[in-house]
Protein backbone atom coordinates (compact mmCIF):
# COMPACT_ATOMS: atom_id res chain seq x y z
CA UNK A 1 0.00 0.00 0.00
CA UNK A 2 1.47 3.32 -1.04
CA UNK A 3 1.90 6.03 1.56
CA UNK A 4 -0.07 9.25 1.17
CA UNK A 5 1.72 12.22 -0.38
CA UNK A 6 3.63 14.39 2.06
CA UNK A 7 1.58 17.43 3.03
CA UNK A 8 2.85 20.95 3.31
CA UNK A 9 2.94 22.15 6.93
CA UNK A 10 0.28 24.73 6.16
CA UNK A 11 -2.18 22.42 4.37
CA UNK A 12 -2.68 20.04 1.44
CA UNK A 13 -0.04 18.92 -1.05
CA UNK A 14 -1.71 21.13 -3.68
CA UNK A 15 -1.48 24.13 -1.39
CA UNK A 16 2.18 23.44 -0.75
CA UNK A 17 2.91 23.24 -4.48
CA UNK A 18 0.95 26.45 -5.08
CA UNK A 19 2.96 28.36 -2.49
CA UNK A 20 6.27 27.02 -3.77
CA UNK A 21 5.24 28.00 -7.30
CA UNK A 22 4.28 31.49 -6.17
CA UNK A 23 7.59 31.86 -4.37
CA UNK A 24 9.47 30.75 -7.52
CA UNK A 25 7.56 33.19 -9.73
CA UNK A 26 8.22 35.98 -7.25
CA UNK A 27 11.96 35.31 -7.50
CA UNK A 28 11.73 35.23 -11.31
CA UNK A 29 9.93 38.59 -11.34
CA UNK A 30 12.57 40.11 -9.06
CA UNK A 31 15.40 38.85 -11.26
CA UNK A 32 13.77 40.06 -14.47
CA UNK A 33 12.92 43.46 -12.97
CA UNK A 34 16.45 44.03 -11.66
CA UNK A 35 18.03 42.94 -14.95
CA UNK A 36 15.75 45.17 -17.02
CA UNK A 37 16.40 48.12 -14.71
CA UNK A 38 20.13 47.80 -15.44
CA UNK A 39 19.60 48.59 -19.13
CA UNK A 40 19.35 52.14 -20.51
CA UNK A 41 15.85 51.46 -21.80
CA UNK A 42 14.79 49.98 -18.47
CA UNK A 43 16.19 52.89 -16.47
CA UNK A 44 14.41 55.43 -18.64
CA UNK A 45 11.15 53.51 -18.43
CA UNK A 46 11.27 53.31 -14.63
CA UNK A 47 12.43 56.93 -14.28
CA UNK A 48 9.46 58.12 -16.33
CA UNK A 49 7.13 56.49 -13.82
CA UNK A 50 8.25 59.01 -11.20
CA UNK A 51 6.03 62.03 -10.56
CA UNK A 52 7.17 65.13 -12.43
CA UNK A 53 8.31 66.76 -9.17
CA UNK A 54 10.48 63.78 -8.26
CA UNK A 55 12.04 63.63 -11.73
CA UNK A 56 13.12 67.25 -11.40
CA UNK A 57 14.55 66.54 -7.96
CA UNK A 58 16.68 63.66 -9.23
CA UNK A 59 17.88 65.72 -12.20
CA UNK A 60 18.85 68.61 -9.92
CA UNK A 61 20.79 66.33 -7.56
CA UNK A 62 22.52 64.65 -10.49
CA UNK A 63 23.59 68.04 -11.86
CA UNK A 64 25.03 69.00 -8.47
CA UNK A 65 26.95 65.74 -8.11
CA UNK A 66 28.39 66.20 -11.60
CA UNK A 67 30.01 69.46 -10.46
CA UNK A 68 30.93 68.36 -6.95
CA UNK A 69 34.65 67.48 -7.00
CA UNK A 70 34.37 65.60 -3.69
CA UNK A 71 31.47 63.37 -4.70
CA UNK A 72 32.23 59.67 -4.38
CA UNK A 73 29.62 58.69 -6.96
CA UNK A 74 28.69 59.76 -10.47
CA UNK A 75 25.26 61.10 -11.48
CA UNK A 76 24.62 57.80 -13.27
CA UNK A 77 25.35 55.83 -10.11
CA UNK A 78 22.99 57.99 -8.09
CA UNK A 79 20.22 57.57 -10.66
CA UNK A 80 20.88 53.81 -10.82
CA UNK A 81 20.51 53.50 -7.04
CA UNK A 82 17.23 55.42 -7.13
CA UNK A 83 15.98 53.21 -9.97
CA UNK A 84 16.95 50.07 -8.02
CA UNK A 85 14.97 51.33 -5.04
CA UNK A 86 11.93 51.99 -7.24
CA UNK A 87 12.16 48.50 -8.75
CA UNK A 88 12.36 46.96 -5.27
CA UNK A 89 9.27 48.85 -4.21
CA UNK A 90 7.40 47.95 -7.40
CA UNK A 91 8.20 44.25 -7.15
CA UNK A 92 7.07 44.02 -3.53
CA UNK A 93 3.93 45.98 -4.34
CA UNK A 94 3.07 43.57 -7.17
CA UNK A 95 3.72 40.65 -4.81
CA UNK A 96 1.16 42.09 -2.42
CA UNK A 97 3.72 42.62 0.35
CA UNK A 98 3.33 46.40 0.50
CA UNK A 99 1.14 49.16 -0.87
CA UNK A 100 2.49 52.35 -2.36
CA UNK A 101 0.45 54.26 0.18
CA UNK A 102 2.62 52.64 2.89
CA UNK A 103 5.49 54.86 1.77
CA UNK A 104 3.47 57.85 2.88
CA UNK A 105 4.80 57.11 6.39
CA UNK A 106 8.12 58.55 5.20
CA UNK A 107 6.58 61.64 3.63
CA UNK A 108 6.31 63.92 6.72
CA UNK A 109 10.03 63.72 7.57
CA UNK A 110 11.08 64.09 3.92
CA UNK A 111 8.74 67.05 3.49
CA UNK A 112 10.11 68.74 6.63
CA UNK A 113 13.65 68.16 5.36
CA UNK A 114 12.85 69.89 2.08
CA UNK A 115 10.99 72.70 3.84
CA UNK A 116 14.05 73.38 5.99
CA UNK A 117 16.39 73.48 3.01
CA UNK A 118 14.06 75.78 1.09
CA UNK A 119 14.05 78.21 4.01
CA UNK A 120 17.83 78.47 4.06
CA UNK A 121 18.28 78.55 0.29
CA UNK A 122 18.44 82.36 0.50
CA UNK A 123 21.80 82.03 2.26
CA UNK A 124 23.38 80.24 -0.69
CA UNK A 125 25.79 82.56 -2.45
CA UNK A 126 26.60 84.51 0.68
CA UNK A 127 30.30 83.66 0.57
CA UNK A 128 31.48 86.85 2.27
CA UNK A 129 33.18 85.64 5.44
CA UNK A 130 32.14 88.75 7.38
CA UNK A 131 28.45 88.18 6.70
CA UNK A 132 28.36 84.42 6.31
CA UNK A 133 25.80 82.65 8.49
CA UNK A 134 26.51 79.33 10.20
CA UNK A 135 24.00 76.88 8.72
CA UNK A 136 25.39 73.83 10.50
CA UNK A 137 22.39 73.43 12.87
CA UNK A 138 20.05 73.39 9.87
CA UNK A 139 22.17 70.86 8.01
CA UNK A 140 22.30 68.59 11.07
CA UNK A 141 18.53 68.83 11.44
CA UNK A 142 18.05 67.87 7.80
CA UNK A 143 20.50 64.99 8.17
CA UNK A 144 18.48 63.60 11.09
CA UNK A 145 15.22 64.00 9.17
CA UNK A 146 16.73 62.23 6.16
CA UNK A 147 17.98 59.41 8.36
CA UNK A 148 14.51 58.99 9.86
CA UNK A 149 13.07 58.84 6.35
CA UNK A 150 15.55 56.15 5.32
CA UNK A 151 14.86 54.08 8.44
CA UNK A 152 11.10 54.15 7.79
CA UNK A 153 11.62 52.89 4.23
CA UNK A 154 14.09 50.22 5.37
CA UNK A 155 11.64 49.00 8.01
CA UNK A 156 8.95 48.81 5.36
CA UNK A 157 11.00 46.85 2.82
CA UNK A 158 13.22 44.98 5.30
CA UNK A 159 11.04 41.86 5.69
CA UNK A 160 10.99 41.27 1.92
CA UNK A 161 14.32 42.54 0.56
CA UNK A 162 17.75 41.05 1.23
CA UNK A 163 20.41 43.05 3.04
CA UNK A 164 22.44 43.75 -0.10
CA UNK A 165 19.49 45.24 -1.96
CA UNK A 166 18.39 47.14 1.13
CA UNK A 167 21.81 48.77 1.34
CA UNK A 168 21.01 50.70 -1.85
CA UNK A 169 18.73 52.96 0.20
CA UNK A 170 21.50 53.54 2.74
CA UNK A 171 23.89 54.42 -0.08
CA UNK A 172 21.53 57.11 -1.37
CA UNK A 173 21.37 58.66 2.09
CA UNK A 174 25.15 58.58 2.58
CA UNK A 175 25.77 60.40 -0.69
CA UNK A 176 23.10 63.13 -0.70
CA UNK A 177 21.46 63.15 2.72
CA UNK A 178 24.23 64.10 5.15
CA UNK A 179 25.15 67.41 6.75
CA UNK A 180 28.61 67.09 5.20
CA UNK A 181 27.19 66.93 1.68
CA UNK A 182 24.84 69.87 2.31
CA UNK A 183 27.59 71.97 3.84
CA UNK A 184 29.77 71.25 0.83
CA UNK A 185 27.27 72.24 -1.85
CA UNK A 186 26.08 75.34 0.05
CA UNK A 187 29.70 76.52 0.07
CA UNK A 188 30.31 75.82 -3.62
CA UNK A 189 30.06 79.06 -5.65
CA UNK A 190 29.94 77.12 -8.94
CA UNK A 191 26.50 75.63 -8.30
CA UNK A 192 24.29 78.69 -8.64
CA UNK A 193 22.11 77.32 -11.44
CA UNK A 194 22.03 73.79 -10.01
CA UNK A 195 21.10 75.01 -6.53
CA UNK A 196 18.25 77.06 -7.97
CA UNK A 197 16.98 73.95 -9.76
CA UNK A 198 17.23 71.98 -6.53
CA UNK A 199 15.32 74.68 -4.66
CA UNK A 200 12.55 74.68 -7.26
CA UNK A 201 12.33 70.88 -7.22
CA UNK A 202 12.10 70.71 -3.41
CA UNK A 203 9.54 73.50 -3.31
CA UNK A 204 7.42 71.74 -5.95
CA UNK A 205 7.56 68.53 -3.92
CA UNK A 206 6.40 70.23 -0.72
CA UNK A 207 3.47 71.75 -2.60
CA UNK A 208 2.45 68.37 -4.03
CA UNK A 209 0.18 66.20 -1.88
CA UNK A 210 -0.49 62.51 -2.29
CA UNK A 211 -4.03 61.18 -2.27
CA UNK A 212 -4.81 57.50 -1.88
CA UNK A 213 -8.05 55.60 -2.26
C-alpha atoms as a PDB file:
ATOM      1  CA  UNK A   1       0.000   0.000   0.000  1.00  0.00           C
ATOM      2  CA  UNK A   2       1.466   3.323  -1.036  1.00  0.00           C
ATOM      3  CA  UNK A   3       1.902   6.032   1.556  1.00  0.00           C
ATOM      4  CA  UNK A   4      -0.068   9.253   1.175  1.00  0.00           C
ATOM      5  CA  UNK A   5       1.724  12.225  -0.377  1.00  0.00           C
ATOM      6  CA  UNK A   6       3.626  14.387   2.064  1.00  0.00           C
ATOM      7  CA  UNK A   7       1.579  17.428   3.034  1.00  0.00           C
ATOM      8  CA  UNK A   8       2.854  20.955   3.309  1.00  0.00           C
ATOM      9  CA  UNK A   9       2.945  22.149   6.934  1.00  0.00           C
ATOM     10  CA  UNK A  10       0.277  24.731   6.158  1.00  0.00           C
ATOM     11  CA  UNK A  11      -2.177  22.419   4.366  1.00  0.00           C
ATOM     12  CA  UNK A  12      -2.683  20.038   1.444  1.00  0.00           C
ATOM     13  CA  UNK A  13      -0.035  18.925  -1.051  1.00  0.00           C
ATOM     14  CA  UNK A  14      -1.707  21.130  -3.679  1.00  0.00           C
ATOM     15  CA  UNK A  15      -1.483  24.130  -1.387  1.00  0.00           C
ATOM     16  CA  UNK A  16       2.184  23.436  -0.754  1.00  0.00           C
ATOM     17  CA  UNK A  17       2.908  23.239  -4.484  1.00  0.00           C
ATOM     18  CA  UNK A  18       0.948  26.450  -5.083  1.00  0.00           C
ATOM     19  CA  UNK A  19       2.963  28.357  -2.487  1.00  0.00           C
ATOM     20  CA  UNK A  20       6.273  27.019  -3.767  1.00  0.00           C
ATOM     21  CA  UNK A  21       5.242  27.997  -7.297  1.00  0.00           C
ATOM     22  CA  UNK A  22       4.276  31.487  -6.172  1.00  0.00           C
ATOM     23  CA  UNK A  23       7.589  31.864  -4.371  1.00  0.00           C
ATOM     24  CA  UNK A  24       9.471  30.752  -7.515  1.00  0.00           C
ATOM     25  CA  UNK A  25       7.560  33.190  -9.735  1.00  0.00           C
ATOM     26  CA  UNK A  26       8.216  35.985  -7.250  1.00  0.00           C
ATOM     27  CA  UNK A  27      11.961  35.314  -7.497  1.00  0.00           C
ATOM     28  CA  UNK A  28      11.725  35.228 -11.310  1.00  0.00           C
ATOM     29  CA  UNK A  29       9.930  38.593 -11.343  1.00  0.00           C
ATOM     30  CA  UNK A  30      12.570  40.109  -9.060  1.00  0.00           C
ATOM     31  CA  UNK A  31      15.404  38.850 -11.263  1.00  0.00           C
ATOM     32  CA  UNK A  32      13.766  40.063 -14.468  1.00  0.00           C
ATOM     33  CA  UNK A  33      12.915  43.463 -12.967  1.00  0.00           C
ATOM     34  CA  UNK A  34      16.449  44.030 -11.661  1.00  0.00           C
ATOM     35  CA  UNK A  35      18.027  42.943 -14.951  1.00  0.00           C
ATOM     36  CA  UNK A  36      15.753  45.172 -17.023  1.00  0.00           C
ATOM     37  CA  UNK A  37      16.405  48.124 -14.706  1.00  0.00           C
ATOM     38  CA  UNK A  38      20.134  47.798 -15.442  1.00  0.00           C
ATOM     39  CA  UNK A  39      19.600  48.595 -19.130  1.00  0.00           C
ATOM     40  CA  UNK A  40      19.355  52.136 -20.506  1.00  0.00           C
ATOM     41  CA  UNK A  41      15.848  51.458 -21.796  1.00  0.00           C
ATOM     42  CA  UNK A  42      14.787  49.980 -18.469  1.00  0.00           C
ATOM     43  CA  UNK A  43      16.192  52.889 -16.465  1.00  0.00           C
ATOM     44  CA  UNK A  44      14.410  55.433 -18.636  1.00  0.00           C
ATOM     45  CA  UNK A  45      11.152  53.514 -18.432  1.00  0.00           C
ATOM     46  CA  UNK A  46      11.270  53.310 -14.629  1.00  0.00           C
ATOM     47  CA  UNK A  47      12.431  56.926 -14.278  1.00  0.00           C
ATOM     48  CA  UNK A  48       9.460  58.119 -16.334  1.00  0.00           C
ATOM     49  CA  UNK A  49       7.130  56.489 -13.818  1.00  0.00           C
ATOM     50  CA  UNK A  50       8.251  59.007 -11.199  1.00  0.00           C
ATOM     51  CA  UNK A  51       6.026  62.028 -10.556  1.00  0.00           C
ATOM     52  CA  UNK A  52       7.173  65.135 -12.429  1.00  0.00           C
ATOM     53  CA  UNK A  53       8.314  66.764  -9.172  1.00  0.00           C
ATOM     54  CA  UNK A  54      10.485  63.777  -8.260  1.00  0.00           C
ATOM     55  CA  UNK A  55      12.041  63.628 -11.727  1.00  0.00           C
ATOM     56  CA  UNK A  56      13.118  67.248 -11.403  1.00  0.00           C
ATOM     57  CA  UNK A  57      14.546  66.540  -7.958  1.00  0.00           C
ATOM     58  CA  UNK A  58      16.675  63.657  -9.234  1.00  0.00           C
ATOM     59  CA  UNK A  59      17.880  65.720 -12.201  1.00  0.00           C
ATOM     60  CA  UNK A  60      18.853  68.610  -9.923  1.00  0.00           C
ATOM     61  CA  UNK A  61      20.793  66.335  -7.563  1.00  0.00           C
ATOM     62  CA  UNK A  62      22.522  64.648 -10.495  1.00  0.00           C
ATOM     63  CA  UNK A  63      23.594  68.045 -11.857  1.00  0.00           C
ATOM     64  CA  UNK A  64      25.028  68.996  -8.470  1.00  0.00           C
ATOM     65  CA  UNK A  65      26.949  65.735  -8.115  1.00  0.00           C
ATOM     66  CA  UNK A  66      28.390  66.198 -11.599  1.00  0.00           C
ATOM     67  CA  UNK A  67      30.005  69.462 -10.462  1.00  0.00           C
ATOM     68  CA  UNK A  68      30.929  68.360  -6.945  1.00  0.00           C
ATOM     69  CA  UNK A  69      34.649  67.478  -7.002  1.00  0.00           C
ATOM     70  CA  UNK A  70      34.373  65.604  -3.692  1.00  0.00           C
ATOM     71  CA  UNK A  71      31.466  63.372  -4.698  1.00  0.00           C
ATOM     72  CA  UNK A  72      32.233  59.666  -4.382  1.00  0.00           C
ATOM     73  CA  UNK A  73      29.624  58.686  -6.965  1.00  0.00           C
ATOM     74  CA  UNK A  74      28.688  59.759 -10.474  1.00  0.00           C
ATOM     75  CA  UNK A  75      25.256  61.098 -11.484  1.00  0.00           C
ATOM     76  CA  UNK A  76      24.621  57.803 -13.274  1.00  0.00           C
ATOM     77  CA  UNK A  77      25.350  55.829 -10.107  1.00  0.00           C
ATOM     78  CA  UNK A  78      22.986  57.987  -8.088  1.00  0.00           C
ATOM     79  CA  UNK A  79      20.219  57.568 -10.658  1.00  0.00           C
ATOM     80  CA  UNK A  80      20.877  53.807 -10.815  1.00  0.00           C
ATOM     81  CA  UNK A  81      20.508  53.501  -7.040  1.00  0.00           C
ATOM     82  CA  UNK A  82      17.235  55.415  -7.128  1.00  0.00           C
ATOM     83  CA  UNK A  83      15.980  53.207  -9.975  1.00  0.00           C
ATOM     84  CA  UNK A  84      16.950  50.069  -8.021  1.00  0.00           C
ATOM     85  CA  UNK A  85      14.970  51.330  -5.040  1.00  0.00           C
ATOM     86  CA  UNK A  86      11.930  51.989  -7.245  1.00  0.00           C
ATOM     87  CA  UNK A  87      12.164  48.504  -8.747  1.00  0.00           C
ATOM     88  CA  UNK A  88      12.363  46.956  -5.273  1.00  0.00           C
ATOM     89  CA  UNK A  89       9.267  48.849  -4.207  1.00  0.00           C
ATOM     90  CA  UNK A  90       7.403  47.948  -7.395  1.00  0.00           C
ATOM     91  CA  UNK A  91       8.204  44.246  -7.155  1.00  0.00           C
ATOM     92  CA  UNK A  92       7.067  44.016  -3.530  1.00  0.00           C
ATOM     93  CA  UNK A  93       3.926  45.983  -4.340  1.00  0.00           C
ATOM     94  CA  UNK A  94       3.065  43.569  -7.175  1.00  0.00           C
ATOM     95  CA  UNK A  95       3.717  40.651  -4.813  1.00  0.00           C
ATOM     96  CA  UNK A  96       1.159  42.090  -2.416  1.00  0.00           C
ATOM     97  CA  UNK A  97       3.725  42.618   0.347  1.00  0.00           C
ATOM     98  CA  UNK A  98       3.329  46.399   0.497  1.00  0.00           C
ATOM     99  CA  UNK A  99       1.141  49.159  -0.874  1.00  0.00           C
ATOM    100  CA  UNK A 100       2.490  52.346  -2.359  1.00  0.00           C
ATOM    101  CA  UNK A 101       0.454  54.256   0.183  1.00  0.00           C
ATOM    102  CA  UNK A 102       2.615  52.639   2.893  1.00  0.00           C
ATOM    103  CA  UNK A 103       5.491  54.858   1.773  1.00  0.00           C
ATOM    104  CA  UNK A 104       3.471  57.849   2.884  1.00  0.00           C
ATOM    105  CA  UNK A 105       4.800  57.110   6.386  1.00  0.00           C
ATOM    106  CA  UNK A 106       8.118  58.554   5.202  1.00  0.00           C
ATOM    107  CA  UNK A 107       6.577  61.643   3.626  1.00  0.00           C
ATOM    108  CA  UNK A 108       6.314  63.919   6.716  1.00  0.00           C
ATOM    109  CA  UNK A 109      10.033  63.722   7.568  1.00  0.00           C
ATOM    110  CA  UNK A 110      11.082  64.086   3.920  1.00  0.00           C
ATOM    111  CA  UNK A 111       8.741  67.045   3.489  1.00  0.00           C
ATOM    112  CA  UNK A 112      10.111  68.738   6.630  1.00  0.00           C
ATOM    113  CA  UNK A 113      13.651  68.158   5.358  1.00  0.00           C
ATOM    114  CA  UNK A 114      12.848  69.895   2.078  1.00  0.00           C
ATOM    115  CA  UNK A 115      10.994  72.695   3.844  1.00  0.00           C
ATOM    116  CA  UNK A 116      14.050  73.383   5.994  1.00  0.00           C
ATOM    117  CA  UNK A 117      16.394  73.483   3.014  1.00  0.00           C
ATOM    118  CA  UNK A 118      14.059  75.776   1.088  1.00  0.00           C
ATOM    119  CA  UNK A 119      14.045  78.210   4.006  1.00  0.00           C
ATOM    120  CA  UNK A 120      17.833  78.471   4.059  1.00  0.00           C
ATOM    121  CA  UNK A 121      18.275  78.549   0.289  1.00  0.00           C
ATOM    122  CA  UNK A 122      18.435  82.358   0.496  1.00  0.00           C
ATOM    123  CA  UNK A 123      21.797  82.029   2.257  1.00  0.00           C
ATOM    124  CA  UNK A 124      23.375  80.244  -0.690  1.00  0.00           C
ATOM    125  CA  UNK A 125      25.790  82.564  -2.454  1.00  0.00           C
ATOM    126  CA  UNK A 126      26.604  84.509   0.685  1.00  0.00           C
ATOM    127  CA  UNK A 127      30.298  83.657   0.574  1.00  0.00           C
ATOM    128  CA  UNK A 128      31.482  86.847   2.269  1.00  0.00           C
ATOM    129  CA  UNK A 129      33.183  85.641   5.438  1.00  0.00           C
ATOM    130  CA  UNK A 130      32.143  88.748   7.385  1.00  0.00           C
ATOM    131  CA  UNK A 131      28.446  88.183   6.695  1.00  0.00           C
ATOM    132  CA  UNK A 132      28.358  84.420   6.310  1.00  0.00           C
ATOM    133  CA  UNK A 133      25.800  82.649   8.487  1.00  0.00           C
ATOM    134  CA  UNK A 134      26.513  79.335  10.196  1.00  0.00           C
ATOM    135  CA  UNK A 135      23.997  76.883   8.723  1.00  0.00           C
ATOM    136  CA  UNK A 136      25.395  73.832  10.503  1.00  0.00           C
ATOM    137  CA  UNK A 137      22.385  73.434  12.869  1.00  0.00           C
ATOM    138  CA  UNK A 138      20.048  73.388   9.867  1.00  0.00           C
ATOM    139  CA  UNK A 139      22.170  70.859   8.014  1.00  0.00           C
ATOM    140  CA  UNK A 140      22.302  68.592  11.067  1.00  0.00           C
ATOM    141  CA  UNK A 141      18.533  68.833  11.445  1.00  0.00           C
ATOM    142  CA  UNK A 142      18.051  67.873   7.805  1.00  0.00           C
ATOM    143  CA  UNK A 143      20.502  64.986   8.172  1.00  0.00           C
ATOM    144  CA  UNK A 144      18.484  63.603  11.090  1.00  0.00           C
ATOM    145  CA  UNK A 145      15.216  63.996   9.165  1.00  0.00           C
ATOM    146  CA  UNK A 146      16.727  62.228   6.157  1.00  0.00           C
ATOM    147  CA  UNK A 147      17.984  59.406   8.359  1.00  0.00           C
ATOM    148  CA  UNK A 148      14.507  58.988   9.858  1.00  0.00           C
ATOM    149  CA  UNK A 149      13.066  58.840   6.345  1.00  0.00           C
ATOM    150  CA  UNK A 150      15.545  56.147   5.319  1.00  0.00           C
ATOM    151  CA  UNK A 151      14.858  54.078   8.445  1.00  0.00           C
ATOM    152  CA  UNK A 152      11.099  54.149   7.788  1.00  0.00           C
ATOM    153  CA  UNK A 153      11.623  52.893   4.233  1.00  0.00           C
ATOM    154  CA  UNK A 154      14.085  50.225   5.367  1.00  0.00           C
ATOM    155  CA  UNK A 155      11.644  48.995   8.014  1.00  0.00           C
ATOM    156  CA  UNK A 156       8.948  48.810   5.361  1.00  0.00           C
ATOM    157  CA  UNK A 157      11.004  46.850   2.824  1.00  0.00           C
ATOM    158  CA  UNK A 158      13.215  44.979   5.301  1.00  0.00           C
ATOM    159  CA  UNK A 159      11.041  41.856   5.689  1.00  0.00           C
ATOM    160  CA  UNK A 160      10.987  41.271   1.923  1.00  0.00           C
ATOM    161  CA  UNK A 161      14.321  42.542   0.559  1.00  0.00           C
ATOM    162  CA  UNK A 162      17.751  41.048   1.228  1.00  0.00           C
ATOM    163  CA  UNK A 163      20.407  43.047   3.035  1.00  0.00           C
ATOM    164  CA  UNK A 164      22.442  43.753  -0.096  1.00  0.00           C
ATOM    165  CA  UNK A 165      19.486  45.239  -1.959  1.00  0.00           C
ATOM    166  CA  UNK A 166      18.387  47.139   1.129  1.00  0.00           C
ATOM    167  CA  UNK A 167      21.814  48.775   1.343  1.00  0.00           C
ATOM    168  CA  UNK A 168      21.010  50.697  -1.854  1.00  0.00           C
ATOM    169  CA  UNK A 169      18.731  52.957   0.196  1.00  0.00           C
ATOM    170  CA  UNK A 170      21.495  53.540   2.737  1.00  0.00           C
ATOM    171  CA  UNK A 171      23.893  54.417  -0.082  1.00  0.00           C
ATOM    172  CA  UNK A 172      21.528  57.107  -1.366  1.00  0.00           C
ATOM    173  CA  UNK A 173      21.375  58.660   2.092  1.00  0.00           C
ATOM    174  CA  UNK A 174      25.153  58.578   2.579  1.00  0.00           C
ATOM    175  CA  UNK A 175      25.765  60.403  -0.689  1.00  0.00           C
ATOM    176  CA  UNK A 176      23.101  63.133  -0.697  1.00  0.00           C
ATOM    177  CA  UNK A 177      21.462  63.154   2.724  1.00  0.00           C
ATOM    178  CA  UNK A 178      24.225  64.097   5.151  1.00  0.00           C
ATOM    179  CA  UNK A 179      25.153  67.414   6.748  1.00  0.00           C
ATOM    180  CA  UNK A 180      28.615  67.087   5.202  1.00  0.00           C
ATOM    181  CA  UNK A 181      27.188  66.933   1.679  1.00  0.00           C
ATOM    182  CA  UNK A 182      24.837  69.867   2.309  1.00  0.00           C
ATOM    183  CA  UNK A 183      27.594  71.974   3.840  1.00  0.00           C
ATOM    184  CA  UNK A 184      29.768  71.254   0.830  1.00  0.00           C
ATOM    185  CA  UNK A 185      27.265  72.238  -1.847  1.00  0.00           C
ATOM    186  CA  UNK A 186      26.081  75.341   0.052  1.00  0.00           C
ATOM    187  CA  UNK A 187      29.703  76.517   0.071  1.00  0.00           C
ATOM    188  CA  UNK A 188      30.310  75.824  -3.617  1.00  0.00           C
ATOM    189  CA  UNK A 189      30.055  79.057  -5.653  1.00  0.00           C
ATOM    190  CA  UNK A 190      29.938  77.117  -8.943  1.00  0.00           C
ATOM    191  CA  UNK A 191      26.503  75.628  -8.300  1.00  0.00           C
ATOM    192  CA  UNK A 192      24.290  78.694  -8.638  1.00  0.00           C
ATOM    193  CA  UNK A 193      22.109  77.316 -11.441  1.00  0.00           C
ATOM    194  CA  UNK A 194      22.032  73.791 -10.014  1.00  0.00           C
ATOM    195  CA  UNK A 195      21.103  75.007  -6.527  1.00  0.00           C
ATOM    196  CA  UNK A 196      18.251  77.064  -7.966  1.00  0.00           C
ATOM    197  CA  UNK A 197      16.979  73.949  -9.765  1.00  0.00           C
ATOM    198  CA  UNK A 198      17.227  71.982  -6.526  1.00  0.00           C
ATOM    199  CA  UNK A 199      15.321  74.680  -4.659  1.00  0.00           C
ATOM    200  CA  UNK A 200      12.546  74.677  -7.264  1.00  0.00           C
ATOM    201  CA  UNK A 201      12.331  70.880  -7.224  1.00  0.00           C
ATOM    202  CA  UNK A 202      12.099  70.706  -3.413  1.00  0.00           C
ATOM    203  CA  UNK A 203       9.542  73.499  -3.314  1.00  0.00           C
ATOM    204  CA  UNK A 204       7.425  71.738  -5.949  1.00  0.00           C
ATOM    205  CA  UNK A 205       7.561  68.533  -3.921  1.00  0.00           C
ATOM    206  CA  UNK A 206       6.402  70.226  -0.721  1.00  0.00           C
ATOM    207  CA  UNK A 207       3.465  71.754  -2.603  1.00  0.00           C
ATOM    208  CA  UNK A 208       2.453  68.366  -4.031  1.00  0.00           C
ATOM    209  CA  UNK A 209       0.181  66.204  -1.877  1.00  0.00           C
ATOM    210  CA  UNK A 210      -0.490  62.508  -2.289  1.00  0.00           C
ATOM    211  CA  UNK A 211      -4.033  61.181  -2.266  1.00  0.00           C
ATOM    212  CA  UNK A 212      -4.813  57.497  -1.884  1.00  0.00           C
ATOM    213  CA  UNK A 213      -8.055  55.597  -2.256  1.00  0.00           C
END
